[in-house]
C-alpha atoms as a PDB file:
ATOM      1  CA  MET A   1      13.159  -2.628   9.598  1.00  0.00           C
ATOM      2  CA  ASP A   2      15.447  -5.573   8.779  1.00  0.00           C
ATOM      3  CA  SER A   3      15.150  -7.637   5.581  1.00  0.00           C
ATOM      4  CA  GLU A   4      13.506 -10.619   7.332  1.00  0.00           C
ATOM      5  CA  THR A   5      10.764  -8.378   8.726  1.00  0.00           C
ATOM      6  CA  LYS A   6      10.252  -6.753   5.317  1.00  0.00           C
ATOM      7  CA  ASP A   7      10.031 -10.202   3.706  1.00  0.00           C
ATOM      8  CA  PHE A   8       7.510 -11.312   6.340  1.00  0.00           C
ATOM      9  CA  TRP A   9       5.250  -8.310   5.717  1.00  0.00           C
ATOM     10  CA  ARG A  10       5.607  -8.664   1.944  1.00  0.00           C
ATOM     11  CA  GLU A  11       4.526 -12.309   2.194  1.00  0.00           C
ATOM     12  CA  ALA A  12       1.612 -11.379   4.479  1.00  0.00           C
ATOM     13  CA  GLN A  13       0.510  -8.779   1.921  1.00  0.00           C
ATOM     14  CA  ILE A  14       0.636 -11.355  -0.877  1.00  0.00           C
ATOM     15  CA  LEU A  15      -1.247 -13.948   1.185  1.00  0.00           C
ATOM     16  CA  SER A  16      -3.951 -11.418   2.070  1.00  0.00           C
ATOM     17  CA  ASN A  17      -4.809 -11.099  -1.625  1.00  0.00           C
ATOM     18  CA  LEU A  18      -5.230 -14.827  -2.265  1.00  0.00           C
ATOM     19  CA  HIS A  19      -8.769 -16.181  -2.243  1.00  0.00           C
ATOM     20  CA  HIS A  20      -9.325 -19.636  -3.689  1.00  0.00           C
ATOM     21  CA  PRO A  21     -11.007 -22.766  -2.296  1.00  0.00           C
ATOM     22  CA  ASN A  22      -7.862 -24.837  -2.957  1.00  0.00           C
ATOM     23  CA  VAL A  23      -5.450 -22.457  -1.197  1.00  0.00           C
ATOM     24  CA  VAL A  24      -5.319 -22.277   2.600  1.00  0.00           C
ATOM     25  CA  ALA A  25      -7.015 -19.062   3.728  1.00  0.00           C
ATOM     26  CA  PHE A  26      -4.903 -16.365   5.372  1.00  0.00           C
ATOM     27  CA  TYR A  27      -6.596 -14.485   8.214  1.00  0.00           C
ATOM     28  CA  GLY A  28      -3.929 -12.140   9.511  1.00  0.00           C
ATOM     29  CA  VAL A  29      -0.834 -11.513  11.593  1.00  0.00           C
ATOM     30  CA  VAL A  30      -0.555 -11.680  15.383  1.00  0.00           C
ATOM     31  CA  PRO A  31       2.206 -11.040  17.926  1.00  0.00           C
ATOM     32  CA  ASP A  32       3.898 -14.316  18.847  1.00  0.00           C
ATOM     33  CA  GLY A  33       5.584 -14.066  22.212  1.00  0.00           C
ATOM     34  CA  ALA A  34       8.174 -11.699  23.555  1.00  0.00           C
ATOM     35  CA  GLY A  35      10.672  -9.836  21.436  1.00  0.00           C
ATOM     36  CA  GLY A  36       8.260  -8.563  18.830  1.00  0.00           C
ATOM     37  CA  THR A  37       8.064 -11.788  16.819  1.00  0.00           C
ATOM     38  CA  LEU A  38       5.041 -12.241  14.582  1.00  0.00           C
ATOM     39  CA  ALA A  39       3.051 -15.207  13.298  1.00  0.00           C
ATOM     40  CA  THR A  40       0.593 -15.690  10.474  1.00  0.00           C
ATOM     41  CA  VAL A  41      -2.911 -16.961  11.187  1.00  0.00           C
ATOM     42  CA  THR A  42      -4.329 -19.342   8.582  1.00  0.00           C
ATOM     43  CA  GLU A  43      -7.327 -21.574   8.100  1.00  0.00           C
ATOM     44  CA  PHE A  44      -7.348 -24.625  10.377  1.00  0.00           C
ATOM     45  CA  MET A  45      -7.223 -27.850   8.411  1.00  0.00           C
ATOM     46  CA  VAL A  46      -9.132 -30.426  10.466  1.00  0.00           C
ATOM     47  CA  SER A  47      -7.429 -33.394   8.807  1.00  0.00           C
ATOM     48  CA  GLY A  48      -3.976 -31.838   8.958  1.00  0.00           C
ATOM     49  CA  SER A  49      -1.690 -31.269   6.017  1.00  0.00           C
ATOM     50  CA  LEU A  50      -2.065 -32.937   2.644  1.00  0.00           C
ATOM     51  CA  ARG A  51       1.224 -34.732   3.283  1.00  0.00           C
ATOM     52  CA  HIS A  52      -0.113 -36.091   6.563  1.00  0.00           C
ATOM     53  CA  ALA A  53      -3.330 -37.283   4.905  1.00  0.00           C
ATOM     54  CA  LEU A  54      -1.424 -39.021   2.108  1.00  0.00           C
ATOM     55  CA  LEU A  55       1.005 -40.751   4.480  1.00  0.00           C
ATOM     56  CA  LYS A  56      -1.622 -41.934   6.978  1.00  0.00           C
ATOM     57  CA  THR A  57      -1.417 -45.705   7.166  1.00  0.00           C
ATOM     58  CA  ASP A  58      -4.767 -46.310   8.853  1.00  0.00           C
ATOM     59  CA  ARG A  59      -6.725 -45.016   5.868  1.00  0.00           C
ATOM     60  CA  SER A  60      -6.167 -45.898   2.251  1.00  0.00           C
ATOM     61  CA  LEU A  61      -7.357 -43.594  -0.497  1.00  0.00           C
ATOM     62  CA  ASP A  62      -8.915 -45.132  -3.572  1.00  0.00           C
ATOM     63  CA  ARG A  63      -7.846 -44.034  -7.059  1.00  0.00           C
ATOM     64  CA  HIS A  64     -10.854 -41.745  -7.445  1.00  0.00           C
ATOM     65  CA  ARG A  65     -10.109 -39.845  -4.208  1.00  0.00           C
ATOM     66  CA  LYS A  66      -6.413 -39.559  -5.150  1.00  0.00           C
ATOM     67  CA  LEU A  67      -7.436 -38.105  -8.520  1.00  0.00           C
ATOM     68  CA  ILE A  68      -9.705 -35.546  -6.825  1.00  0.00           C
ATOM     69  CA  ILE A  69      -6.871 -34.524  -4.465  1.00  0.00           C
ATOM     70  CA  ALA A  70      -4.425 -34.201  -7.382  1.00  0.00           C
ATOM     71  CA  MET A  71      -6.891 -32.095  -9.371  1.00  0.00           C
ATOM     72  CA  ASP A  72      -7.623 -29.844  -6.381  1.00  0.00           C
ATOM     73  CA  ALA A  73      -3.887 -29.307  -5.859  1.00  0.00           C
ATOM     74  CA  ALA A  74      -3.464 -28.553  -9.565  1.00  0.00           C
ATOM     75  CA  PHE A  75      -6.326 -26.013  -9.498  1.00  0.00           C
ATOM     76  CA  GLY A  76      -4.761 -24.331  -6.460  1.00  0.00           C
ATOM     77  CA  MET A  77      -1.353 -24.197  -8.180  1.00  0.00           C
ATOM     78  CA  GLU A  78      -2.949 -22.846 -11.372  1.00  0.00           C
ATOM     79  CA  TYR A  79      -4.527 -20.057  -9.313  1.00  0.00           C
ATOM     80  CA  LEU A  80      -1.195 -19.233  -7.646  1.00  0.00           C
ATOM     81  CA  HIS A  81       0.563 -19.125 -11.027  1.00  0.00           C
ATOM     82  CA  SER A  82      -2.165 -16.820 -12.359  1.00  0.00           C
ATOM     83  CA  LYS A  83      -1.181 -14.451  -9.533  1.00  0.00           C
ATOM     84  CA  ASN A  84       2.520 -14.753 -10.526  1.00  0.00           C
ATOM     85  CA  ILE A  85       3.339 -16.784  -7.441  1.00  0.00           C
ATOM     86  CA  SER A  86       5.663 -19.706  -8.058  1.00  0.00           C
END
């Protein structure tokens, strides 16, 4: 097994142990086309990525909503750091 494959499986193992409402859920690994490539399966985010939501020009976020988003991101990062993930 090459180092990229080992890294992929190590990351999948780490992701499988993360369970927090502010961290995208990991569901598993699936084959992804020919050649034995693999892909991770994660929670579907209906509104897209946080970056996409923040950059959307057709919707402005008030200060309160921005604060909630920042706090949610901070809680998710705090959880990741508690698991020694940086």
